[in-house]
Protein backbone atom coordinates (compact mmCIF):
# COMPACT_ATOMS: atom_id res chain seq x y z
CA UNK A 1 0.00 0.00 0.00
CA UNK A 2 2.79 2.43 0.90
CA UNK A 3 4.66 1.60 -2.32
CA UNK A 4 1.53 2.42 -4.31
CA UNK A 5 1.09 5.83 -2.66
CA UNK A 6 4.82 6.50 -3.20
CA UNK A 7 4.38 5.67 -6.90
CA UNK A 8 1.40 8.03 -7.05
CA UNK A 9 3.44 10.79 -5.41
CA UNK A 10 6.23 10.22 -7.95
CA UNK A 11 3.72 10.39 -10.81
CA UNK A 12 2.42 13.71 -9.46
CA UNK A 13 5.99 14.99 -9.22
CA UNK A 14 6.83 13.86 -12.77
CA UNK A 15 3.54 15.00 -14.39
CA UNK A 16 4.89 18.33 -15.75
CA UNK A 17 8.02 16.77 -17.25
CA UNK A 18 6.09 13.88 -18.82
CA UNK A 19 3.55 16.28 -20.31
CA UNK A 20 6.33 18.50 -21.69
CA UNK A 21 8.21 15.57 -23.23
CA UNK A 22 5.16 13.88 -24.76
CA UNK A 23 3.81 17.18 -26.08
CA UNK A 24 7.22 17.89 -27.62
CA UNK A 25 7.24 14.43 -29.21
CA UNK A 26 3.71 14.83 -30.59
CA UNK A 27 4.39 18.10 -32.45
CA UNK A 28 3.74 17.56 -36.15
CA UNK A 29 2.52 13.98 -35.74
CA UNK A 30 -0.67 12.68 -37.31
CA UNK A 31 -3.60 13.04 -34.93
CA UNK A 32 -5.85 10.17 -34.02
CA UNK A 33 -9.33 11.43 -34.99
CA UNK A 34 -10.93 9.69 -32.00
CA UNK A 35 -8.73 11.29 -29.32
CA UNK A 36 -7.37 14.42 -30.99
CA UNK A 37 -3.89 13.38 -29.82
CA UNK A 38 -0.99 11.99 -31.82
CA UNK A 39 -1.09 8.25 -32.44
CA UNK A 40 0.88 6.70 -29.57
CA UNK A 41 0.45 9.72 -27.24
CA UNK A 42 -1.11 7.77 -24.39
CA UNK A 43 1.15 4.75 -24.84
CA UNK A 44 4.25 6.95 -24.66
CA UNK A 45 2.83 8.79 -21.63
CA UNK A 46 2.27 5.54 -19.70
CA UNK A 47 5.64 4.12 -20.74
CA UNK A 48 7.45 7.29 -19.67
CA UNK A 49 5.71 7.45 -16.28
CA UNK A 50 6.55 3.79 -15.65
CA UNK A 51 10.17 4.35 -16.65
CA UNK A 52 10.62 7.43 -14.45
CA UNK A 53 9.01 5.83 -11.40
CA UNK A 54 11.12 2.68 -11.79
CA UNK A 55 14.48 4.28 -12.63
CA UNK A 56 14.18 7.77 -11.09
CA UNK A 57 16.09 9.06 -14.11
CA UNK A 58 15.37 10.14 -17.67
CA UNK A 59 15.58 7.58 -20.46
CA UNK A 60 18.47 8.20 -22.82
CA UNK A 61 19.02 7.44 -26.45
CA UNK A 62 16.62 5.75 -28.83
CA UNK A 63 13.89 3.50 -27.45
CA UNK A 64 11.36 1.54 -29.46
CA UNK A 65 7.85 1.91 -28.09
CA UNK A 66 6.12 -1.46 -28.17
CA UNK A 67 3.19 -2.17 -30.43
CA UNK A 68 -0.07 -1.46 -28.67
CA UNK A 69 -3.81 -1.22 -29.05
CA UNK A 70 -6.04 1.80 -28.86
CA UNK A 71 -9.24 1.99 -26.84
CA UNK A 72 -11.12 0.39 -29.75
CA UNK A 73 -8.67 -2.55 -29.75
CA UNK A 74 -7.09 -1.46 -33.04
CA UNK A 75 -3.39 -2.21 -33.43
CA UNK A 76 -1.01 0.74 -33.13
CA UNK A 77 2.43 0.15 -34.60
CA UNK A 78 5.62 0.43 -32.60
CA UNK A 79 7.63 3.60 -33.11
CA UNK A 80 11.08 4.91 -32.17
CA UNK A 81 11.50 7.74 -29.66
CA UNK A 82 14.74 9.73 -29.31
CA UNK A 83 14.81 10.65 -25.64
CA UNK A 84 18.03 12.64 -25.98
CA UNK A 85 16.13 15.05 -28.22
CA UNK A 86 12.94 15.04 -26.13
CA UNK A 87 14.72 15.68 -22.84
CA UNK A 88 17.02 18.43 -24.14
CA UNK A 89 16.83 21.35 -21.71
CA UNK A 90 14.62 19.44 -19.25
CA UNK A 91 15.52 17.90 -15.91
CA UNK A 92 13.72 15.90 -13.28
CA UNK A 93 12.57 17.71 -10.16
CA UNK A 94 14.74 17.16 -7.11
PDB file of N, CA and C in Angstrom:
ATOM      1  N   UNK A   1       0.820  -1.187   0.000  1.00  0.00           N
ATOM      2  CA  UNK A   1       0.000   0.000   0.000  1.00  0.00           C
ATOM      3  C   UNK A   1       0.872   1.262   0.000  1.00  0.00           C
ATOM      4  N   UNK A   2       1.910   1.277   0.840  1.00  0.00           N
ATOM      5  CA  UNK A   2       2.793   2.430   0.905  1.00  0.00           C
ATOM      6  C   UNK A   2       3.542   2.620  -0.410  1.00  0.00           C
ATOM      7  N   UNK A   3       3.967   1.513  -1.036  1.00  0.00           N
ATOM      8  CA  UNK A   3       4.661   1.602  -2.323  1.00  0.00           C
ATOM      9  C   UNK A   3       3.753   2.215  -3.375  1.00  0.00           C
ATOM     10  N   UNK A   4       2.470   1.869  -3.342  1.00  0.00           N
ATOM     11  CA  UNK A   4       1.529   2.417  -4.314  1.00  0.00           C
ATOM     12  C   UNK A   4       1.385   3.924  -4.122  1.00  0.00           C
ATOM     13  N   UNK A   5       1.243   4.394  -2.887  1.00  0.00           N
ATOM     14  CA  UNK A   5       1.095   5.828  -2.663  1.00  0.00           C
ATOM     15  C   UNK A   5       2.389   6.564  -2.999  1.00  0.00           C
ATOM     16  N   UNK A   6       3.545   5.915  -2.799  1.00  0.00           N
ATOM     17  CA  UNK A   6       4.816   6.503  -3.199  1.00  0.00           C
ATOM     18  C   UNK A   6       4.875   6.636  -4.718  1.00  0.00           C
ATOM     19  N   UNK A   7       4.428   5.604  -5.442  1.00  0.00           N
ATOM     20  CA  UNK A   7       4.384   5.674  -6.901  1.00  0.00           C
ATOM     21  C   UNK A   7       3.464   6.798  -7.358  1.00  0.00           C
ATOM     22  N   UNK A   8       2.326   6.957  -6.700  1.00  0.00           N
ATOM     23  CA  UNK A   8       1.395   8.032  -7.052  1.00  0.00           C
ATOM     24  C   UNK A   8       2.022   9.396  -6.797  1.00  0.00           C
ATOM     25  N   UNK A   9       2.756   9.527  -5.704  1.00  0.00           N
ATOM     26  CA  UNK A   9       3.440  10.788  -5.407  1.00  0.00           C
ATOM     27  C   UNK A   9       4.499  11.082  -6.469  1.00  0.00           C
ATOM     28  N   UNK A  10       5.218  10.043  -6.907  1.00  0.00           N
ATOM     29  CA  UNK A  10       6.226  10.222  -7.954  1.00  0.00           C
ATOM     30  C   UNK A  10       5.568  10.621  -9.270  1.00  0.00           C
ATOM     31  N   UNK A  11       4.438  10.024  -9.580  1.00  0.00           N
ATOM     32  CA  UNK A  11       3.722  10.388 -10.808  1.00  0.00           C
ATOM     33  C   UNK A  11       3.284  11.852 -10.758  1.00  0.00           C
ATOM     34  N   UNK A  12       2.804  12.297  -9.604  1.00  0.00           N
ATOM     35  CA  UNK A  12       2.419  13.707  -9.457  1.00  0.00           C
ATOM     36  C   UNK A  12       3.628  14.615  -9.656  1.00  0.00           C
ATOM     37  N   UNK A  13       4.762  14.214  -9.098  1.00  0.00           N
ATOM     38  CA  UNK A  13       5.988  14.987  -9.225  1.00  0.00           C
ATOM     39  C   UNK A  13       6.456  15.060 -10.680  1.00  0.00           C
ATOM     40  N   UNK A  14       6.336  13.944 -11.396  1.00  0.00           N
ATOM     41  CA  UNK A  14       6.825  13.863 -12.772  1.00  0.00           C
ATOM     42  C   UNK A  14       5.814  14.348 -13.818  1.00  0.00           C
ATOM     43  N   UNK A  15       4.585  14.621 -13.428  1.00  0.00           N
ATOM     44  CA  UNK A  15       3.538  14.999 -14.391  1.00  0.00           C
ATOM     45  C   UNK A  15       3.977  16.132 -15.333  1.00  0.00           C
ATOM     46  N   UNK A  16       4.514  17.245 -14.827  1.00  0.00           N
ATOM     47  CA  UNK A  16       4.887  18.331 -15.747  1.00  0.00           C
ATOM     48  C   UNK A  16       5.952  17.927 -16.761  1.00  0.00           C
ATOM     49  N   UNK A  17       6.949  17.161 -16.339  1.00  0.00           N
ATOM     50  CA  UNK A  17       8.018  16.770 -17.253  1.00  0.00           C
ATOM     51  C   UNK A  17       7.511  15.776 -18.287  1.00  0.00           C
ATOM     52  N   UNK A  18       6.663  14.845 -17.873  1.00  0.00           N
ATOM     53  CA  UNK A  18       6.094  13.879 -18.817  1.00  0.00           C
ATOM     54  C   UNK A  18       5.231  14.609 -19.841  1.00  0.00           C
ATOM     55  N   UNK A  19       4.405  15.514 -19.385  1.00  0.00           N
ATOM     56  CA  UNK A  19       3.554  16.276 -20.306  1.00  0.00           C
ATOM     57  C   UNK A  19       4.408  17.060 -21.294  1.00  0.00           C
ATOM     58  N   UNK A  20       5.454  17.721 -20.808  1.00  0.00           N
ATOM     59  CA  UNK A  20       6.330  18.499 -21.688  1.00  0.00           C
ATOM     60  C   UNK A  20       7.002  17.612 -22.730  1.00  0.00           C
ATOM     61  N   UNK A  21       7.509  16.456 -22.299  1.00  0.00           N
ATOM     62  CA  UNK A  21       8.208  15.572 -23.231  1.00  0.00           C
ATOM     63  C   UNK A  21       7.258  14.970 -24.258  1.00  0.00           C
ATOM     64  N   UNK A  22       6.102  14.512 -23.825  1.00  0.00           N
ATOM     65  CA  UNK A  22       5.165  13.876 -24.758  1.00  0.00           C
ATOM     66  C   UNK A  22       4.571  14.924 -25.702  1.00  0.00           C
ATOM     67  N   UNK A  23       4.291  16.116 -25.201  1.00  0.00           N
ATOM     68  CA  UNK A  23       3.806  17.179 -26.084  1.00  0.00           C
ATOM     69  C   UNK A  23       4.867  17.554 -27.115  1.00  0.00           C
ATOM     70  N   UNK A  24       6.126  17.598 -26.697  1.00  0.00           N
ATOM     71  CA  UNK A  24       7.223  17.892 -27.624  1.00  0.00           C
ATOM     72  C   UNK A  24       7.305  16.800 -28.692  1.00  0.00           C
ATOM     73  N   UNK A  25       7.192  15.554 -28.266  1.00  0.00           N
ATOM     74  CA  UNK A  25       7.236  14.428 -29.207  1.00  0.00           C
ATOM     75  C   UNK A  25       6.076  14.496 -30.204  1.00  0.00           C
ATOM     76  N   UNK A  26       4.911  14.905 -29.753  1.00  0.00           N
ATOM     77  CA  UNK A  26       3.709  14.832 -30.591  1.00  0.00           C
ATOM     78  C   UNK A  26       3.604  15.957 -31.616  1.00  0.00           C
ATOM     79  N   UNK A  27       4.445  16.986 -31.504  1.00  0.00           N
ATOM     80  CA  UNK A  27       4.390  18.098 -32.454  1.00  0.00           C
ATOM     81  C   UNK A  27       4.593  17.595 -33.880  1.00  0.00           C
ATOM     82  N   UNK A  28       3.651  17.927 -34.749  1.00  0.00           N
ATOM     83  CA  UNK A  28       3.744  17.564 -36.152  1.00  0.00           C
ATOM     84  C   UNK A  28       3.326  16.147 -36.489  1.00  0.00           C
ATOM     85  N   UNK A  29       2.948  15.363 -35.494  1.00  0.00           N
ATOM     86  CA  UNK A  29       2.521  13.979 -35.737  1.00  0.00           C
ATOM     87  C   UNK A  29       1.060  13.955 -36.188  1.00  0.00           C
ATOM     88  N   UNK A  30       0.704  12.889 -36.885  1.00  0.00           N
ATOM     89  CA  UNK A  30      -0.672  12.680 -37.312  1.00  0.00           C
ATOM     90  C   UNK A  30      -1.550  12.469 -36.091  1.00  0.00           C
ATOM     91  N   UNK A  31      -2.682  13.162 -36.062  1.00  0.00           N
ATOM     92  CA  UNK A  31      -3.598  13.039 -34.928  1.00  0.00           C
ATOM     93  C   UNK A  31      -4.556  11.877 -35.121  1.00  0.00           C
ATOM     94  N   UNK A  32      -4.828  11.197 -34.036  1.00  0.00           N
ATOM     95  CA  UNK A  32      -5.855  10.166 -34.021  1.00  0.00           C
ATOM     96  C   UNK A  32      -7.194  10.900 -33.979  1.00  0.00           C
ATOM     97  N   UNK A  33      -8.070  10.685 -34.953  1.00  0.00           N
ATOM     98  CA  UNK A  33      -9.332  11.435 -34.988  1.00  0.00           C
ATOM     99  C   UNK A  33     -10.238  11.162 -33.792  1.00  0.00           C
ATOM    100  N   UNK A  34     -10.071  10.019 -33.142  1.00  0.00           N
ATOM    101  CA  UNK A  34     -10.927   9.688 -31.998  1.00  0.00           C
ATOM    102  C   UNK A  34     -10.510  10.418 -30.723  1.00  0.00           C
ATOM    103  N   UNK A  35      -9.204  10.671 -30.564  1.00  0.00           N
ATOM    104  CA  UNK A  35      -8.728  11.295 -29.322  1.00  0.00           C
ATOM    105  C   UNK A  35      -8.264  12.735 -29.511  1.00  0.00           C
ATOM    106  N   UNK A  36      -7.927  13.095 -30.748  1.00  0.00           N
ATOM    107  CA  UNK A  36      -7.372  14.419 -30.993  1.00  0.00           C
ATOM    108  C   UNK A  36      -5.910  14.532 -30.592  1.00  0.00           C
ATOM    109  N   UNK A  37      -5.309  13.433 -30.195  1.00  0.00           N
ATOM    110  CA  UNK A  37      -3.894  13.382 -29.816  1.00  0.00           C
ATOM    111  C   UNK A  37      -3.133  12.582 -30.868  1.00  0.00           C
ATOM    112  N   UNK A  38      -1.815  12.753 -30.885  1.00  0.00           N
ATOM    113  CA  UNK A  38      -0.991  11.992 -31.824  1.00  0.00           C
ATOM    114  C   UNK A  38      -1.121  10.499 -31.545  1.00  0.00           C
ATOM    115  N   UNK A  39      -1.079   9.703 -32.614  1.00  0.00           N
ATOM    116  CA  UNK A  39      -1.095   8.252 -32.440  1.00  0.00           C
ATOM    117  C   UNK A  39       0.088   7.849 -31.567  1.00  0.00           C
ATOM    118  N   UNK A  40      -0.166   7.127 -30.494  1.00  0.00           N
ATOM    119  CA  UNK A  40       0.875   6.705 -29.570  1.00  0.00           C
ATOM    120  C   UNK A  40       1.050   7.629 -28.376  1.00  0.00           C
ATOM    121  N   UNK A  41       0.313   8.732 -28.321  1.00  0.00           N
ATOM    122  CA  UNK A  41       0.446   9.717 -27.239  1.00  0.00           C
ATOM    123  C   UNK A  41       0.262   9.078 -25.865  1.00  0.00           C
ATOM    124  N   UNK A  42      -0.821   8.354 -25.699  1.00  0.00           N
ATOM    125  CA  UNK A  42      -1.109   7.773 -24.386  1.00  0.00           C
ATOM    126  C   UNK A  42      -0.165   6.620 -24.056  1.00  0.00           C
ATOM    127  N   UNK A  43       0.214   5.862 -25.068  1.00  0.00           N
ATOM    128  CA  UNK A  43       1.151   4.753 -24.844  1.00  0.00           C
ATOM    129  C   UNK A  43       2.508   5.290 -24.396  1.00  0.00           C
ATOM    130  N   UNK A  44       2.982   6.342 -25.053  1.00  0.00           N
ATOM    131  CA  UNK A  44       4.248   6.955 -24.662  1.00  0.00           C
ATOM    132  C   UNK A  44       4.146   7.563 -23.261  1.00  0.00           C
ATOM    133  N   UNK A  45       3.027   8.195 -22.951  1.00  0.00           N
ATOM    134  CA  UNK A  45       2.835   8.788 -21.626  1.00  0.00           C
ATOM    135  C   UNK A  45       2.939   7.729 -20.533  1.00  0.00           C
ATOM    136  N   UNK A  46       2.242   6.621 -20.699  1.00  0.00           N
ATOM    137  CA  UNK A  46       2.266   5.544 -19.703  1.00  0.00           C
ATOM    138  C   UNK A  46       3.667   4.951 -19.598  1.00  0.00           C
ATOM    139  N   UNK A  47       4.300   4.701 -20.736  1.00  0.00           N
ATOM    140  CA  UNK A  47       5.645   4.123 -20.740  1.00  0.00           C
ATOM    141  C   UNK A  47       6.615   5.043 -20.003  1.00  0.00           C
ATOM    142  N   UNK A  48       6.530   6.338 -20.278  1.00  0.00           N
ATOM    143  CA  UNK A  48       7.452   7.294 -19.671  1.00  0.00           C
ATOM    144  C   UNK A  48       7.231   7.401 -18.159  1.00  0.00           C
ATOM    145  N   UNK A  49       5.979   7.454 -17.725  1.00  0.00           N
ATOM    146  CA  UNK A  49       5.707   7.450 -16.282  1.00  0.00           C
ATOM    147  C   UNK A  49       6.290   6.202 -15.630  1.00  0.00           C
ATOM    148  N   UNK A  50       6.038   5.043 -16.213  1.00  0.00           N
ATOM    149  CA  UNK A  50       6.548   3.790 -15.646  1.00  0.00           C
ATOM    150  C   UNK A  50       8.074   3.807 -15.564  1.00  0.00           C
ATOM    151  N   UNK A  51       8.714   4.290 -16.620  1.00  0.00           N
ATOM    152  CA  UNK A  51      10.174   4.347 -16.649  1.00  0.00           C
ATOM    153  C   UNK A  51      10.704   5.262 -15.547  1.00  0.00           C
ATOM    154  N   UNK A  52      10.146   6.461 -15.437  1.00  0.00           N
ATOM    155  CA  UNK A  52      10.620   7.428 -14.449  1.00  0.00           C
ATOM    156  C   UNK A  52      10.421   6.936 -13.019  1.00  0.00           C
ATOM    157  N   UNK A  53       9.275   6.336 -12.748  1.00  0.00           N
ATOM    158  CA  UNK A  53       9.008   5.827 -11.399  1.00  0.00           C
ATOM    159  C   UNK A  53       9.966   4.683 -11.060  1.00  0.00           C
ATOM    160  N   UNK A  54      10.240   3.823 -12.023  1.00  0.00           N
ATOM    161  CA  UNK A  54      11.120   2.681 -11.788  1.00  0.00           C
ATOM    162  C   UNK A  54      12.586   3.089 -11.651  1.00  0.00           C
ATOM    163  N   UNK A  55      13.057   3.963 -12.556  1.00  0.00           N
ATOM    164  CA  UNK A  55      14.484   4.278 -12.632  1.00  0.00           C
ATOM    165  C   UNK A  55      14.875   5.583 -11.941  1.00  0.00           C
ATOM    166  N   UNK A  56      13.912   6.455 -11.694  1.00  0.00           N
ATOM    167  CA  UNK A  56      14.183   7.770 -11.085  1.00  0.00           C
ATOM    168  C   UNK A  56      15.208   8.567 -11.898  1.00  0.00           C
ATOM    169  N   UNK A  57      15.214   8.331 -13.201  1.00  0.00           N
ATOM    170  CA  UNK A  57      16.093   9.060 -14.114  1.00  0.00           C
ATOM    171  C   UNK A  57      15.435   9.094 -15.486  1.00  0.00           C
ATOM    172  N   UNK A  58      15.921  10.000 -16.322  1.00  0.00           N
ATOM    173  CA  UNK A  58      15.371  10.140 -17.669  1.00  0.00           C
ATOM    174  C   UNK A  58      15.907   9.027 -18.567  1.00  0.00           C
ATOM    175  N   UNK A  59      15.063   8.524 -19.459  1.00  0.00           N
ATOM    176  CA  UNK A  59      15.579   7.584 -20.457  1.00  0.00           C
ATOM    177  C   UNK A  59      16.534   8.322 -21.390  1.00  0.00           C
ATOM    178  N   UNK A  60      17.496   7.606 -21.913  1.00  0.00           N
ATOM    179  CA  UNK A  60      18.468   8.202 -22.822  1.00  0.00           C
ATOM    180  C   UNK A  60      18.515   7.406 -24.107  1.00  0.00           C
ATOM    181  N   UNK A  61      18.857   8.094 -25.176  1.00  0.00           N
ATOM    182  CA  UNK A  61      19.016   7.440 -26.455  1.00  0.00           C
ATOM    183  C   UNK A  61      17.693   7.086 -27.103  1.00  0.00           C
ATOM    184  N   UNK A  62      17.778   6.173 -28.044  1.00  0.00           N
ATOM    185  CA  UNK A  62      16.624   5.754 -28.831  1.00  0.00           C
ATOM    186  C   UNK A  62      15.966   4.536 -28.193  1.00  0.00           C
ATOM    187  N   UNK A  63      14.670   4.620 -27.984  1.00  0.00           N
ATOM    188  CA  UNK A  63      13.889   3.501 -27.450  1.00  0.00           C
ATOM    189  C   UNK A  63      12.751   3.215 -28.419  1.00  0.00           C
ATOM    190  N   UNK A  64      12.472   1.958 -28.616  1.00  0.00           N
ATOM    191  CA  UNK A  64      11.364   1.538 -29.461  1.00  0.00           C
ATOM    192  C   UNK A  64      10.136   1.337 -28.580  1.00  0.00           C
ATOM    193  N   UNK A  65       9.096   2.117 -28.817  1.00  0.00           N
ATOM    194  CA  UNK A  65       7.851   1.910 -28.087  1.00  0.00           C
ATOM    195  C   UNK A  65       7.212   0.632 -28.609  1.00  0.00           C
ATOM    196  N   UNK A  66       6.711  -0.198 -27.726  1.00  0.00           N
ATOM    197  CA  UNK A  66       6.115  -1.458 -28.172  1.00  0.00           C
ATOM    198  C   UNK A  66       4.812  -1.230 -28.931  1.00  0.00           C
ATOM    199  N   UNK A  67       4.486  -2.198 -29.758  1.00  0.00           N
ATOM    200  CA  UNK A  67       3.189  -2.171 -30.434  1.00  0.00           C
ATOM    201  C   UNK A  67       2.104  -2.164 -29.366  1.00  0.00           C
ATOM    202  N   UNK A  68       1.008  -1.517 -29.652  1.00  0.00           N
ATOM    203  CA  UNK A  68      -0.075  -1.460 -28.669  1.00  0.00           C
ATOM    204  C   UNK A  68      -1.430  -1.496 -29.339  1.00  0.00           C
ATOM    205  N   UNK A  69      -2.443  -1.281 -28.549  1.00  0.00           N
ATOM    206  CA  UNK A  69      -3.814  -1.223 -29.053  1.00  0.00           C
ATOM    207  C   UNK A  69      -4.484   0.017 -28.499  1.00  0.00           C
ATOM    208  N   UNK A  70      -5.312   0.632 -29.330  1.00  0.00           N
ATOM    209  CA  UNK A  70      -6.039   1.802 -28.861  1.00  0.00           C
ATOM    210  C   UNK A  70      -7.282   1.365 -28.097  1.00  0.00           C
ATOM    211  N   UNK A  71      -8.069   2.327 -27.665  1.00  0.00           N
ATOM    212  CA  UNK A  71      -9.237   1.989 -26.838  1.00  0.00           C
ATOM    213  C   UNK A  71     -10.301   1.215 -27.600  1.00  0.00           C
ATOM    214  N   UNK A  72     -10.187   1.172 -28.931  1.00  0.00           N
ATOM    215  CA  UNK A  72     -11.119   0.391 -29.748  1.00  0.00           C
ATOM    216  C   UNK A  72     -10.514  -0.950 -30.151  1.00  0.00           C
ATOM    217  N   UNK A  73      -9.380  -1.296 -29.528  1.00  0.00           N
ATOM    218  CA  UNK A  73      -8.674  -2.552 -29.753  1.00  0.00           C
ATOM    219  C   UNK A  73      -8.031  -2.637 -31.139  1.00  0.00           C
ATOM    220  N   UNK A  74      -7.791  -1.491 -31.755  1.00  0.00           N
ATOM    221  CA  UNK A  74      -7.088  -1.465 -33.038  1.00  0.00           C
ATOM    222  C   UNK A  74      -5.587  -1.435 -32.765  1.00  0.00           C
ATOM    223  N   UNK A  75      -4.843  -2.141 -33.593  1.00  0.00           N
ATOM    224  CA  UNK A  75      -3.388  -2.209 -33.426  1.00  0.00           C
ATOM    225  C   UNK A  75      -2.765  -0.854 -33.756  1.00  0.00           C
ATOM    226  N   UNK A  76      -1.851  -0.428 -32.877  1.00  0.00           N
ATOM    227  CA  UNK A  76      -1.013   0.738 -33.132  1.00  0.00           C
ATOM    228  C   UNK A  76       0.416   0.237 -33.261  1.00  0.00           C
ATOM    229  N   UNK A  77       1.067   0.613 -34.329  1.00  0.00           N
ATOM    230  CA  UNK A  77       2.428   0.145 -34.596  1.00  0.00           C
ATOM    231  C   UNK A  77       3.419   0.671 -33.568  1.00  0.00           C
ATOM    232  N   UNK A  78       4.526  -0.057 -33.441  1.00  0.00           N
ATOM    233  CA  UNK A  78       5.618   0.427 -32.600  1.00  0.00           C
ATOM    234  C   UNK A  78       6.264   1.629 -33.300  1.00  0.00           C
ATOM    235  N   UNK A  79       6.977   2.427 -32.538  1.00  0.00           N
ATOM    236  CA  UNK A  79       7.627   3.600 -33.109  1.00  0.00           C
ATOM    237  C   UNK A  79       8.847   3.953 -32.265  1.00  0.00           C
ATOM    238  N   UNK A  80       9.874   4.529 -32.907  1.00  0.00           N
ATOM    239  CA  UNK A  80      11.077   4.912 -32.168  1.00  0.00           C
ATOM    240  C   UNK A  80      10.896   6.284 -31.510  1.00  0.00           C
ATOM    241  N   UNK A  81      11.518   6.455 -30.351  1.00  0.00           N
ATOM    242  CA  UNK A  81      11.504   7.742 -29.656  1.00  0.00           C
ATOM    243  C   UNK A  81      12.939   8.076 -29.260  1.00  0.00           C
ATOM    244  N   UNK A  82      13.398   9.256 -29.662  1.00  0.00           N
ATOM    245  CA  UNK A  82      14.736   9.727 -29.315  1.00  0.00           C
ATOM    246  C   UNK A  82      14.635  10.569 -28.043  1.00  0.00           C
ATOM    247  N   UNK A  83      14.950   9.954 -26.915  1.00  0.00           N
ATOM    248  CA  UNK A  83      14.808  10.647 -25.640  1.00  0.00           C
ATOM    249  C   UNK A  83      15.896  11.689 -25.413  1.00  0.00           C
ATOM    250  N   UNK A  84      17.024  11.584 -26.099  1.00  0.00           N
ATOM    251  CA  UNK A  84      18.031  12.639 -25.985  1.00  0.00           C
ATOM    252  C   UNK A  84      17.455  13.947 -26.521  1.00  0.00           C
ATOM    253  N   UNK A  85      16.755  13.866 -27.627  1.00  0.00           N
ATOM    254  CA  UNK A  85      16.127  15.048 -28.224  1.00  0.00           C
ATOM    255  C   UNK A  85      14.968  15.549 -27.364  1.00  0.00           C
ATOM    256  N   UNK A  86      14.119  14.641 -26.907  1.00  0.00           N
ATOM    257  CA  UNK A  86      12.941  15.042 -26.127  1.00  0.00           C
ATOM    258  C   UNK A  86      13.302  15.652 -24.782  1.00  0.00           C
ATOM    259  N   UNK A  87      14.378  15.209 -24.181  1.00  0.00           N
ATOM    260  CA  UNK A  87      14.722  15.680 -22.840  1.00  0.00           C
ATOM    261  C   UNK A  87      15.682  16.872 -22.852  1.00  0.00           C
ATOM    262  N   UNK A  88      16.078  17.311 -24.044  1.00  0.00           N
ATOM    263  CA  UNK A  88      17.019  18.434 -24.140  1.00  0.00           C
ATOM    264  C   UNK A  88      16.452  19.654 -23.405  1.00  0.00           C
ATOM    265  N   UNK A  89      17.229  20.169 -22.463  1.00  0.00           N
ATOM    266  CA  UNK A  89      16.825  21.350 -21.707  1.00  0.00           C
ATOM    267  C   UNK A  89      15.884  21.072 -20.548  1.00  0.00           C
ATOM    268  N   UNK A  90      15.531  19.810 -20.332  1.00  0.00           N
ATOM    269  CA  UNK A  90      14.621  19.445 -19.246  1.00  0.00           C
ATOM    270  C   UNK A  90      15.377  18.640 -18.194  1.00  0.00           C
ATOM    271  N   UNK A  91      14.924  18.720 -16.969  1.00  0.00           N
ATOM    272  CA  UNK A  91      15.516  17.895 -15.911  1.00  0.00           C
ATOM    273  C   UNK A  91      14.429  17.486 -14.935  1.00  0.00           C
ATOM    274  N   UNK A  92      14.680  16.386 -14.262  1.00  0.00           N
ATOM    275  CA  UNK A  92      13.720  15.895 -13.280  1.00  0.00           C
ATOM    276  C   UNK A  92      13.744  16.782 -12.043  1.00  0.00           C
ATOM    277  N   UNK A  93      12.591  16.949 -11.408  1.00  0.00           N
ATOM    278  CA  UNK A  93      12.569  17.710 -10.157  1.00  0.00           C
ATOM    279  C   UNK A  93      13.354  16.978  -9.070  1.00  0.00           C
ATOM    280  N   UNK A  94      13.922  17.743  -8.184  1.00  0.00           N
ATOM    281  CA  UNK A  94      14.741  17.156  -7.107  1.00  0.00           C
ATOM    282  C   UNK A  94      13.896  16.506  -6.039  1.00  0.00           C
TER     283      UNK A  94
END
